[in-house]
Amino acid sequence: MALKEDCDLFRELNDPQRLERVARVAEKIKSLGIEYIYYQYVSITGRVLGKAVPARHWANNARKGVQTWMGGVTNVDTDMNGSLYGFSANDGEVLALPDPETFCQLPWDKSIARVFCTLFYGLEDAKNPGGYFECDVRGNLKRFDREFREKHNGLHLRVGMEPEMLWLKKNPEGSPTPYSGITEPYAYHIGQFESARAVWKQVYEYAHAMGLDMIQGDVEDAPGLLELNFAFDDAVRTCDRLTTYRQICNEVARQHGLIACFMAKPMMGVPANGCHHNCSIWSGGEPQVQQLVSGELPGMEEVFTYTKGGVNEFENKEGGWLPTELGHHALGGALKHIGALTAIGASTVNSYRRFADVGLWAPIGANWGLQNRSCTIRISAPDRFEFRAVDAMVNQHLFCAALVKALDDGLTNKIDPGAPEDRNVVEVMKAGGHVDLIPLNLNEALDALKKDDLVLEAMPGRLYELYDLMKRDDWKRFLKEVTNWDHERYMDCLP
């Protein structure tokens, strides 16, 4: 089938900036000695899928993309009945078109590079040949971010993320042991952080080589829990960097014989693996390349680029912690859609163990407050707000796409978030007082998502159907499982 000149794929391929970048990648392949390239994309749950291709095919792949089965967006996984999620083996393929600006060498094997891809319907598709594949969460975020900038005269979302995770030792069978972390649960103790030095230093070195400007790290109060932070940036680049960070941690864990655990709540009674999203709304700014390694950059300049400067339109420059009028409207949009956003930020059955373990830093209040950690939306500094109902299992591309839609609603309709909550929500709830709560289990959260037409705009085509299908299946599996708790609670009970 001939390529339609008005299709999305055609426009992407003929973008002059893209053509220049494709040529630069070819030069990088040669100068860095790259032999293979991972063409990778992000699934609906945030996993990384793709193919490895010899680097000599770059010119052809950059022009035609790499074919891959469209069901990859559901992890090529099956439901509790053994059926593929949402697709059959007879469904067609999509084109994974590499985004050349994301090309970067892998520091642990310098003969290999990776590149993120945007997914398109194949040219033979009967309904939308060459169109964007709506189930591509990363591709969606790129478009929604661009639309937000165009609608709001250049305003854009910048995000900083706090990626917590556990580094666990393996038992003799090779499985993780929940309480056997590489550190003791003594938050911020340098002695404990020092005991994990071999791990975090290697993560830092790999991260710098892949464009993550690491800014701080600490040990937190669960066994093996480290939080290693990188600099905030525009939403798309930050989301890509979190995916890269996870891949780096997995590789470091393999090398050290450890388990890199991103499960939201592996242990009760100690803090969980959160991934707070710190958000601000900016105008202006200029891209600046960060020279994070010596010598030639081991990837495209864009991988090492951060937007610097501009005006933080959220921050009230007259002092105090209350944001500007625009900032209030942004909070209003996020607060209005807080239930649906929670369904994406806390995306697993296990995520809600984090909220149930009250008093251990996780939020439960469907409200906003100034430095109030019991609220889901917290003004963590005068220049940003922190969305706290997000954990380490989040698909950050999908969450940020939904957040962009919520912020657009707040700015467009000038939504008032009301007064900040200054009470401790947990204490009010325990005392029997009234307080608005976020959904406290996955089923409630999915019901909130289903009712939120605005957030559903961030899940076009079949994306919402597939997300709901996969998450409802998780809920049903949970309900059908008899656990040790059931046995201990009821096995020897008389009615």
Protein backbone atom coordinates (compact mmCIF):
# COMPACT_ATOMS: atom_id res chain seq x y z
CA MET A 1 0.00 0.00 0.00
CA ALA A 2 1.30 3.43 -0.90
CA LEU A 3 2.09 5.74 1.97
CA LYS A 4 -0.60 8.39 2.38
CA GLU A 5 1.02 11.80 2.35
CA ASP A 6 -1.34 13.09 5.06
CA CYS A 7 -0.78 10.25 7.52
CA ASP A 8 1.06 10.60 10.83
CA LEU A 9 3.89 8.30 9.77
CA PHE A 10 4.56 10.31 6.61
CA ARG A 11 4.71 13.58 8.54
CA GLU A 12 7.06 12.06 11.12
CA LEU A 13 9.41 10.61 8.51
CA ASN A 14 9.66 13.87 6.58
CA ASP A 15 10.28 16.17 9.50
CA PRO A 16 13.58 17.96 8.61
CA GLN A 17 14.70 17.84 12.25
CA ARG A 18 14.22 14.08 12.25
CA LEU A 19 16.22 13.64 9.07
CA GLU A 20 19.12 15.57 10.60
CA ARG A 21 18.97 13.46 13.76
CA VAL A 22 18.90 10.18 11.84
CA ALA A 23 22.13 11.25 10.13
CA ARG A 24 23.71 12.11 13.47
CA VAL A 25 22.82 8.67 14.87
CA ALA A 26 24.60 7.06 11.93
CA GLU A 27 27.72 9.03 12.87
CA LYS A 28 27.36 7.97 16.51
CA ILE A 29 27.05 4.33 15.55
CA LYS A 30 30.35 4.57 13.73
CA SER A 31 32.26 6.63 16.29
CA LEU A 32 31.09 4.58 19.30
CA GLY A 33 31.51 1.20 17.63
CA ILE A 34 27.86 0.19 18.11
CA GLU A 35 27.08 -3.29 16.78
CA TYR A 36 23.48 -3.81 17.96
CA ILE A 37 20.52 -1.58 18.82
CA TYR A 38 17.55 -2.26 21.09
CA TYR A 39 14.44 -0.80 19.46
CA GLN A 40 12.26 -0.47 22.56
CA TYR A 41 8.81 0.80 23.45
CA VAL A 42 6.77 1.06 26.65
CA SER A 43 3.78 -1.21 27.29
CA ILE A 44 0.49 -0.26 28.98
CA THR A 45 1.84 -1.31 32.38
CA GLY A 46 5.23 0.35 31.84
CA ARG A 47 7.32 -2.66 30.83
CA VAL A 48 9.95 -2.30 28.13
CA LEU A 49 9.52 -4.44 25.01
CA GLY A 50 11.16 -4.44 21.62
CA LYS A 51 13.73 -6.09 19.40
CA ALA A 52 17.51 -6.20 19.01
CA VAL A 53 18.75 -5.43 15.49
CA PRO A 54 22.29 -5.23 14.08
CA ALA A 55 23.31 -1.60 13.87
CA ARG A 56 24.18 -1.85 10.17
CA HIS A 57 20.41 -1.74 9.47
CA TRP A 58 19.95 1.67 11.09
CA ALA A 59 19.29 3.63 7.90
CA ASN A 60 16.60 1.20 6.78
CA ASN A 61 14.97 0.92 10.21
CA ALA A 62 14.96 4.69 10.64
CA ARG A 63 13.11 4.97 7.33
CA LYS A 64 10.69 2.03 7.66
CA GLY A 65 10.53 1.23 11.35
CA VAL A 66 10.63 -2.25 12.91
CA GLN A 67 7.55 -4.44 12.69
CA THR A 68 6.22 -5.84 15.96
CA TRP A 69 2.98 -7.52 17.04
CA MET A 70 0.46 -4.99 18.34
CA GLY A 71 -0.35 -7.18 21.36
CA GLY A 72 3.04 -6.34 22.79
CA VAL A 73 1.42 -3.33 24.46
CA THR A 74 -0.30 -5.80 26.84
CA ASN A 75 3.03 -7.51 27.62
CA VAL A 76 2.17 -10.55 25.44
CA ASP A 77 0.47 -11.72 28.62
CA THR A 78 -2.65 -13.74 29.38
CA ASP A 79 -5.61 -13.33 31.70
CA MET A 80 -6.60 -15.76 34.44
CA ASN A 81 -8.27 -17.99 31.85
CA GLY A 82 -5.19 -18.20 29.65
CA SER A 83 -6.44 -15.86 26.90
CA LEU A 84 -4.24 -13.10 25.54
CA TYR A 85 -5.21 -9.69 26.88
CA GLY A 86 -7.29 -7.93 24.24
CA PHE A 87 -5.58 -9.43 21.19
CA SER A 88 -5.36 -12.70 19.32
CA ALA A 89 -2.48 -14.34 17.51
CA ASN A 90 -4.18 -13.28 14.26
CA ASP A 91 -4.05 -9.57 15.02
CA GLY A 92 -1.77 -7.45 12.91
CA GLU A 93 1.51 -5.70 13.50
CA VAL A 94 2.49 -2.14 14.22
CA LEU A 95 5.56 -0.20 13.16
CA ALA A 96 8.00 0.78 15.89
CA LEU A 97 9.64 3.90 14.46
CA PRO A 98 12.81 4.88 16.33
CA ASP A 99 13.02 8.35 17.85
CA PRO A 100 16.63 9.17 16.94
CA GLU A 101 16.99 11.80 19.69
CA THR A 102 16.79 8.98 22.30
CA PHE A 103 19.72 6.95 20.93
CA CYS A 104 22.21 6.06 23.69
CA GLN A 105 24.97 3.53 24.26
CA LEU A 106 24.57 1.00 27.08
CA PRO A 107 27.42 1.59 29.55
CA TRP A 108 27.52 -2.07 30.65
CA ASP A 109 28.00 -3.31 27.08
CA LYS A 110 29.29 -0.58 24.83
CA SER A 111 28.69 -2.58 21.67
CA ILE A 112 24.92 -2.12 22.22
CA ALA A 113 22.75 1.01 22.12
CA ARG A 114 19.08 1.61 22.77
CA VAL A 115 16.52 3.86 21.14
CA PHE A 116 12.91 4.53 22.17
CA CYS A 117 10.26 4.04 19.50
CA THR A 118 6.87 5.53 18.67
CA LEU A 119 4.26 3.03 17.46
CA PHE A 120 2.19 3.45 14.29
CA TYR A 121 -0.47 1.37 12.61
CA GLY A 122 0.95 -0.57 9.69
CA LEU A 123 0.47 0.75 6.18
CA GLU A 124 -1.78 -2.20 5.40
CA ASP A 125 -4.20 -1.36 8.24
CA ALA A 126 -7.73 -1.04 6.87
CA LYS A 127 -8.90 1.78 9.17
CA ASN A 128 -5.92 3.99 9.95
CA PRO A 129 -2.91 3.19 7.76
CA GLY A 130 0.18 4.99 9.02
CA GLY A 131 -1.69 6.56 11.92
CA TYR A 132 -0.51 6.81 15.51
CA PHE A 133 -1.24 3.62 17.47
CA GLU A 134 -3.42 4.90 20.32
CA CYS A 135 -2.30 2.18 22.72
CA ASP A 136 1.26 3.55 22.67
CA VAL A 137 1.42 5.33 26.03
CA ARG A 138 4.71 7.05 25.34
CA GLY A 139 3.57 8.28 21.92
CA ASN A 140 0.37 9.59 23.52
CA LEU A 141 2.30 11.60 26.13
CA LYS A 142 4.41 13.21 23.41
CA ARG A 143 1.28 14.36 21.59
CA PHE A 144 -0.67 15.49 24.68
CA ASP A 145 2.35 17.45 25.93
CA ARG A 146 2.62 19.16 22.53
CA GLU A 147 -1.12 19.95 22.48
CA PHE A 148 -0.97 21.42 26.01
CA ARG A 149 1.90 23.72 24.98
CA GLU A 150 0.05 24.89 21.88
CA LYS A 151 -3.22 25.53 23.74
CA HIS A 152 -1.64 27.38 26.67
CA ASN A 153 0.87 29.57 24.78
CA GLY A 154 3.97 27.59 25.60
CA LEU A 155 3.15 26.61 29.17
CA HIS A 156 4.47 23.15 29.92
CA LEU A 157 4.71 20.60 32.69
CA ARG A 158 8.05 19.84 34.30
CA VAL A 159 8.31 16.82 36.56
CA GLY A 160 10.76 15.48 39.09
CA MET A 161 10.30 11.93 40.33
CA GLU A 162 11.37 10.17 43.53
CA PRO A 163 12.02 6.55 42.49
CA GLU A 164 12.11 4.42 45.63
CA MET A 165 12.92 0.72 45.36
CA LEU A 166 14.27 -2.18 47.39
CA TRP A 167 17.55 -3.98 46.83
CA LEU A 168 16.95 -7.49 48.18
CA LYS A 169 19.21 -10.48 48.68
CA LYS A 170 18.29 -13.82 47.13
CA ASN A 171 17.56 -16.94 49.15
CA PRO A 172 19.31 -20.24 48.18
CA GLU A 173 16.57 -20.94 45.62
CA GLY A 174 17.26 -17.63 43.90
CA SER A 175 14.04 -15.90 44.99
CA PRO A 176 13.93 -12.60 46.88
CA THR A 177 13.56 -12.66 50.64
CA PRO A 178 11.32 -9.69 51.63
CA TYR A 179 13.12 -8.51 54.77
CA SER A 180 16.68 -9.27 53.62
CA GLY A 181 17.64 -5.90 52.16
CA ILE A 182 21.22 -4.80 51.63
CA THR A 183 20.70 -2.08 54.28
CA GLU A 184 18.98 -1.90 57.66
CA PRO A 185 15.85 0.29 58.01
CA TYR A 186 17.63 3.36 59.38
CA ALA A 187 16.56 6.31 57.26
CA TYR A 188 19.26 8.75 56.12
CA HIS A 189 22.05 7.00 58.07
CA ILE A 190 25.25 7.49 56.12
CA GLY A 191 26.67 4.31 57.63
CA GLN A 192 23.86 2.33 56.03
CA PHE A 193 24.20 4.19 52.73
CA GLU A 194 27.91 3.45 52.81
CA SER A 195 27.20 -0.26 53.17
CA ALA A 196 25.38 -0.07 49.82
CA ARG A 197 28.15 1.97 48.18
CA ALA A 198 29.07 -0.60 45.53
CA VAL A 199 25.47 -0.63 44.32
CA TRP A 200 24.56 3.05 44.33
CA LYS A 201 27.89 4.17 42.86
CA GLN A 202 27.43 1.83 39.92
CA VAL A 203 23.88 3.10 39.41
CA TYR A 204 25.19 6.69 39.43
CA GLU A 205 27.94 5.90 36.91
CA TYR A 206 25.58 4.12 34.52
CA ALA A 207 22.96 6.84 34.96
CA HIS A 208 25.39 9.64 34.09
CA ALA A 209 26.44 7.71 30.99
CA MET A 210 22.79 7.56 29.90
CA GLY A 211 21.87 11.19 30.50
CA LEU A 212 20.47 11.10 34.06
CA ASP A 213 21.83 14.00 36.08
CA MET A 214 21.91 12.36 39.51
CA ILE A 215 21.42 14.95 42.25
CA GLN A 216 21.08 13.09 45.57
CA GLY A 217 20.50 9.73 47.20
CA ASP A 218 19.78 8.23 50.60
CA VAL A 219 18.79 5.08 52.42
CA GLU A 220 15.26 5.02 53.81
CA ASP A 221 13.43 3.22 56.59
CA ALA A 222 12.71 -0.17 55.07
CA PRO A 223 15.26 -2.96 54.57
CA GLY A 224 17.22 -2.27 51.40
CA LEU A 225 15.18 0.80 50.41
CA LEU A 226 17.20 3.38 48.46
CA GLU A 227 15.99 6.56 46.84
CA LEU A 228 18.34 7.88 44.15
CA ASN A 229 17.09 11.07 42.52
CA PHE A 230 17.85 12.66 39.16
CA ALA A 231 17.17 16.23 38.03
CA PHE A 232 13.67 17.30 37.00
CA ASP A 233 12.88 18.20 33.40
CA ASP A 234 10.11 18.32 30.81
CA ALA A 235 7.58 15.52 31.26
CA VAL A 236 8.51 13.33 28.29
CA ARG A 237 12.24 13.32 28.99
CA THR A 238 11.71 12.70 32.71
CA CYS A 239 9.42 9.75 31.98
CA ASP A 240 11.96 8.28 29.55
CA ARG A 241 14.67 8.70 32.18
CA LEU A 242 12.64 6.82 34.79
CA THR A 243 12.31 3.91 32.36
CA THR A 244 16.08 4.08 31.79
CA TYR A 245 16.68 4.24 35.56
CA ARG A 246 14.70 1.04 36.08
CA GLN A 247 16.65 -0.73 33.36
CA ILE A 248 19.90 0.42 34.96
CA CYS A 249 18.83 -0.87 38.38
CA ASN A 250 17.87 -4.24 36.93
CA GLU A 251 21.28 -4.54 35.30
CA VAL A 252 23.15 -3.54 38.46
CA ALA A 253 21.10 -6.05 40.46
CA ARG A 254 21.97 -8.82 37.99
CA GLN A 255 25.66 -8.04 38.31
CA HIS A 256 25.53 -8.13 42.11
CA GLY A 257 23.28 -11.17 42.44
CA LEU A 258 20.47 -9.09 43.95
CA ILE A 259 16.80 -8.47 43.22
CA ALA A 260 15.77 -4.97 42.14
CA CYS A 261 12.27 -4.83 43.66
CA PHE A 262 9.78 -2.26 42.38
CA MET A 263 6.77 -3.86 44.08
CA ALA A 264 4.80 -1.11 45.81
CA LYS A 265 4.42 -2.73 49.25
CA PRO A 266 6.54 -5.87 49.78
CA MET A 267 6.45 -5.58 53.60
CA MET A 268 3.88 -4.30 56.08
CA GLY A 269 4.98 -2.22 59.03
CA VAL A 270 7.67 -0.34 57.14
CA PRO A 271 7.42 2.35 54.43
CA ALA A 272 6.70 1.29 50.86
CA ASN A 273 8.18 2.01 47.43
CA GLY A 274 6.65 5.30 46.42
CA CYS A 275 7.37 7.35 43.32
CA HIS A 276 6.16 10.84 44.14
CA HIS A 277 5.73 13.11 41.13
CA ASN A 278 6.82 16.72 41.83
CA CYS A 279 5.15 18.99 39.30
CA SER A 280 5.40 22.61 38.21
CA ILE A 281 4.08 24.67 35.28
CA TRP A 282 6.63 26.70 33.32
CA SER A 283 6.87 29.18 30.50
CA GLY A 284 10.02 29.73 28.47
CA GLY A 285 13.35 28.08 29.13
CA GLU A 286 16.16 26.91 26.90
CA PRO A 287 17.62 23.44 26.24
CA GLN A 288 21.09 22.94 27.73
CA VAL A 289 23.35 19.93 27.24
CA GLN A 290 24.77 18.51 30.47
CA GLN A 291 28.28 17.09 30.06
CA LEU A 292 27.82 14.27 32.57
CA VAL A 293 30.75 12.18 31.32
CA SER A 294 34.16 13.08 29.97
CA GLY A 295 34.98 12.87 26.28
CA GLU A 296 32.48 12.17 23.53
CA LEU A 297 28.89 11.88 24.71
CA PRO A 298 27.86 8.19 24.49
CA GLY A 299 24.59 9.09 22.84
CA MET A 300 22.69 11.89 21.19
CA GLU A 301 23.00 15.37 22.69
CA GLU A 302 19.24 15.37 23.24
CA VAL A 303 19.60 12.48 25.74
CA PHE A 304 21.81 14.76 27.85
CA THR A 305 19.65 17.87 27.39
CA TYR A 306 17.65 19.55 30.16
CA THR A 307 15.39 22.59 29.87
CA LYS A 308 16.82 25.34 32.03
CA GLY A 309 15.51 28.77 32.96
CA GLY A 310 12.15 30.22 32.12
CA VAL A 311 9.47 31.25 34.60
CA ASN A 312 7.89 28.88 37.10
CA GLU A 313 4.27 30.01 36.78
CA PHE A 314 3.22 27.89 39.77
CA GLU A 315 5.43 29.71 42.28
CA ASN A 316 4.19 32.80 44.05
CA LYS A 317 7.18 35.14 43.84
CA GLU A 318 5.77 37.38 46.57
CA GLY A 319 6.67 34.79 49.15
CA GLY A 320 4.82 32.20 51.15
CA TRP A 321 3.78 28.70 50.23
CA LEU A 322 0.47 29.39 48.55
CA PRO A 323 0.85 29.16 44.74
CA THR A 324 -0.17 31.71 42.12
CA GLU A 325 -3.68 31.92 40.76
CA LEU A 326 -2.56 29.71 37.87
CA GLY A 327 -1.05 27.32 40.40
CA HIS A 328 -4.35 27.14 42.26
CA HIS A 329 -6.12 26.26 39.02
CA ALA A 330 -3.56 23.53 38.34
CA LEU A 331 -4.23 22.12 41.81
CA GLY A 332 -7.95 22.35 41.15
CA GLY A 333 -7.63 20.24 38.02
CA ALA A 334 -5.53 17.59 39.75
CA LEU A 335 -7.87 17.52 42.76
CA LYS A 336 -11.02 17.23 40.65
CA HIS A 337 -9.64 14.10 38.96
CA ILE A 338 -7.81 12.66 41.96
CA GLY A 339 -9.69 9.33 42.00
CA ALA A 340 -8.99 8.54 38.36
CA LEU A 341 -5.38 9.66 38.70
CA THR A 342 -4.99 7.33 41.69
CA ALA A 343 -6.18 4.41 39.53
CA ILE A 344 -3.19 5.05 37.26
CA GLY A 345 -0.63 6.12 39.85
CA ALA A 346 -1.45 3.21 42.17
CA SER A 347 -2.01 0.60 39.50
CA THR A 348 -1.82 -2.77 41.29
CA VAL A 349 -3.75 -4.63 43.98
CA ASN A 350 -0.63 -4.43 46.12
CA SER A 351 -0.45 -0.63 45.73
CA TYR A 352 -3.32 -0.23 48.18
CA ARG A 353 -1.45 -2.06 50.95
CA ARG A 354 0.60 1.13 51.00
CA PHE A 355 -2.45 3.23 51.89
CA ALA A 356 -3.78 0.65 54.36
CA ASP A 357 -0.57 0.82 56.41
CA VAL A 358 -1.62 4.20 57.79
CA GLY A 359 0.90 6.41 59.53
CA LEU A 360 3.83 5.30 57.36
CA TRP A 361 4.11 8.35 55.07
CA ALA A 362 1.58 7.20 52.44
CA PRO A 363 -1.39 9.54 51.77
CA ILE A 364 -5.10 8.78 52.01
CA GLY A 365 -6.72 12.23 51.85
CA ALA A 366 -8.38 13.36 48.62
CA ASN A 367 -7.23 16.91 49.28
CA TRP A 368 -4.23 19.23 49.12
CA GLY A 369 -2.14 20.77 51.85
CA LEU A 370 1.01 22.71 52.64
CA GLN A 371 3.70 20.25 53.69
CA ASN A 372 0.89 17.88 54.77
CA ARG A 373 1.99 14.34 53.98
CA SER A 374 -1.42 12.88 54.79
CA CYS A 375 -2.81 14.69 51.73
CA THR A 376 -2.46 13.14 48.29
CA ILE A 377 -1.48 16.50 46.79
CA ARG A 378 1.17 18.22 48.88
CA ILE A 379 2.90 21.54 48.36
CA SER A 380 6.35 20.12 49.03
CA ALA A 381 8.11 23.44 48.31
CA PRO A 382 6.81 26.87 47.28
CA ASP A 383 7.64 26.17 43.64
CA ARG A 384 5.92 22.81 43.07
CA PHE A 385 3.26 20.33 44.13
CA GLU A 386 3.80 16.66 44.85
CA PHE A 387 1.30 14.00 43.76
CA ARG A 388 1.80 11.27 46.37
CA ALA A 389 -0.60 8.48 45.34
CA VAL A 390 2.00 7.15 42.91
CA ASP A 391 4.24 4.16 43.57
CA ALA A 392 7.16 2.34 42.00
CA MET A 393 4.90 0.22 39.78
CA VAL A 394 3.47 3.25 37.97
CA ASN A 395 3.51 3.61 34.20
CA GLN A 396 4.77 7.17 34.39
CA HIS A 397 4.10 7.93 30.72
CA LEU A 398 0.43 7.04 31.18
CA PHE A 399 0.17 8.87 34.51
CA CYS A 400 1.72 12.06 33.17
CA ALA A 401 -0.55 11.96 30.11
CA ALA A 402 -3.56 11.80 32.44
CA LEU A 403 -2.11 14.53 34.64
CA VAL A 404 -1.62 16.81 31.63
CA LYS A 405 -5.32 16.38 30.81
CA ALA A 406 -6.29 17.15 34.42
CA LEU A 407 -4.08 20.26 34.50
CA ASP A 408 -5.54 21.42 31.19
CA ASP A 409 -9.02 21.12 32.71
CA GLY A 410 -7.93 23.13 35.74
CA LEU A 411 -6.34 25.93 33.71
CA THR A 412 -9.07 26.07 31.06
CA ASN A 413 -11.97 26.13 33.50
CA LYS A 414 -10.19 27.99 36.32
CA ILE A 415 -11.06 25.29 38.85
CA ASP A 416 -10.85 26.35 42.51
CA PRO A 417 -9.22 23.68 44.70
CA GLY A 418 -10.61 25.19 47.90
CA ALA A 419 -8.59 25.83 51.02
CA PRO A 420 -5.60 23.64 51.89
CA GLU A 421 -6.14 20.89 54.45
CA ASP A 422 -4.11 21.58 57.59
CA ARG A 423 -5.35 18.63 59.66
CA ASN A 424 -3.67 15.23 59.76
CA VAL A 425 -6.12 13.21 57.67
CA VAL A 426 -5.16 9.95 59.36
CA GLU A 427 -5.86 11.31 62.83
CA VAL A 428 -9.18 12.83 61.73
CA MET A 429 -10.25 9.53 60.18
CA LYS A 430 -9.26 7.52 63.27
CA ALA A 431 -11.24 9.93 65.43
CA GLY A 432 -14.34 9.38 63.33
CA GLY A 433 -14.32 12.79 61.69
CA HIS A 434 -15.27 13.39 58.08
CA VAL A 435 -12.56 13.59 55.48
CA ASP A 436 -12.58 12.92 51.76
CA LEU A 437 -10.47 9.88 50.91
CA ILE A 438 -8.86 8.61 47.74
CA PRO A 439 -9.91 5.11 46.57
CA LEU A 440 -8.54 2.58 49.01
CA ASN A 441 -8.55 -0.51 46.81
CA LEU A 442 -7.95 -1.14 43.13
CA ASN A 443 -11.60 -1.92 42.38
CA GLU A 444 -12.76 1.43 43.80
CA ALA A 445 -10.04 3.24 41.87
CA LEU A 446 -10.97 1.57 38.58
CA ASP A 447 -14.61 2.57 39.15
CA ALA A 448 -13.47 6.18 39.65
CA LEU A 449 -11.45 6.02 36.45
CA LYS A 450 -14.41 4.63 34.52
CA LYS A 451 -16.54 7.64 35.51
CA ASP A 452 -13.95 10.29 34.63
CA ASP A 453 -14.47 11.19 30.97
CA LEU A 454 -11.72 13.81 31.03
CA VAL A 455 -8.97 11.46 32.22
CA LEU A 456 -10.25 8.83 29.78
CA GLU A 457 -9.25 11.25 27.01
CA ALA A 458 -5.67 10.34 27.96
CA MET A 459 -6.50 6.72 27.10
CA PRO A 460 -7.72 6.90 23.48
CA GLY A 461 -8.66 4.12 21.07
CA ARG A 462 -8.62 0.78 22.86
CA LEU A 463 -6.17 1.91 25.52
CA TYR A 464 -8.72 2.35 28.30
CA GLU A 465 -10.44 -0.92 27.42
CA LEU A 466 -7.14 -2.79 27.63
CA TYR A 467 -6.01 -1.07 30.83
CA ASP A 468 -9.31 -1.83 32.53
CA LEU A 469 -9.24 -5.41 31.25
CA MET A 470 -5.78 -6.07 32.64
CA LYS A 471 -6.37 -4.39 35.99
CA ARG A 472 -9.82 -5.96 36.57
CA ASP A 473 -8.23 -9.32 35.85
CA ASP A 474 -5.65 -8.61 38.56
CA TRP A 475 -8.47 -7.79 40.98
CA LYS A 476 -10.32 -11.01 40.15
CA ARG A 477 -7.15 -13.05 40.56
CA PHE A 478 -6.67 -11.47 43.98
CA LEU A 479 -10.22 -12.32 45.05
CA LYS A 480 -9.79 -15.93 43.92
CA GLU A 481 -6.55 -16.44 45.85
CA VAL A 482 -6.51 -18.14 49.26
CA THR A 483 -3.56 -16.70 51.19
CA ASN A 484 -1.66 -17.47 54.37
CA TRP A 485 -3.76 -14.77 56.03
CA ASP A 486 -6.94 -16.73 55.24
CA HIS A 487 -5.46 -19.87 56.74
CA GLU A 488 -4.22 -18.16 59.88
CA ARG A 489 -7.46 -16.26 60.37
CA TYR A 490 -10.07 -18.91 59.61
CA MET A 491 -8.61 -22.41 59.38
CA ASP A 492 -9.42 -23.45 62.95
CA CYS A 493 -12.39 -21.12 63.51
CA LEU A 494 -15.80 -22.14 64.71
CA PRO A 495 -18.54 -19.96 63.12
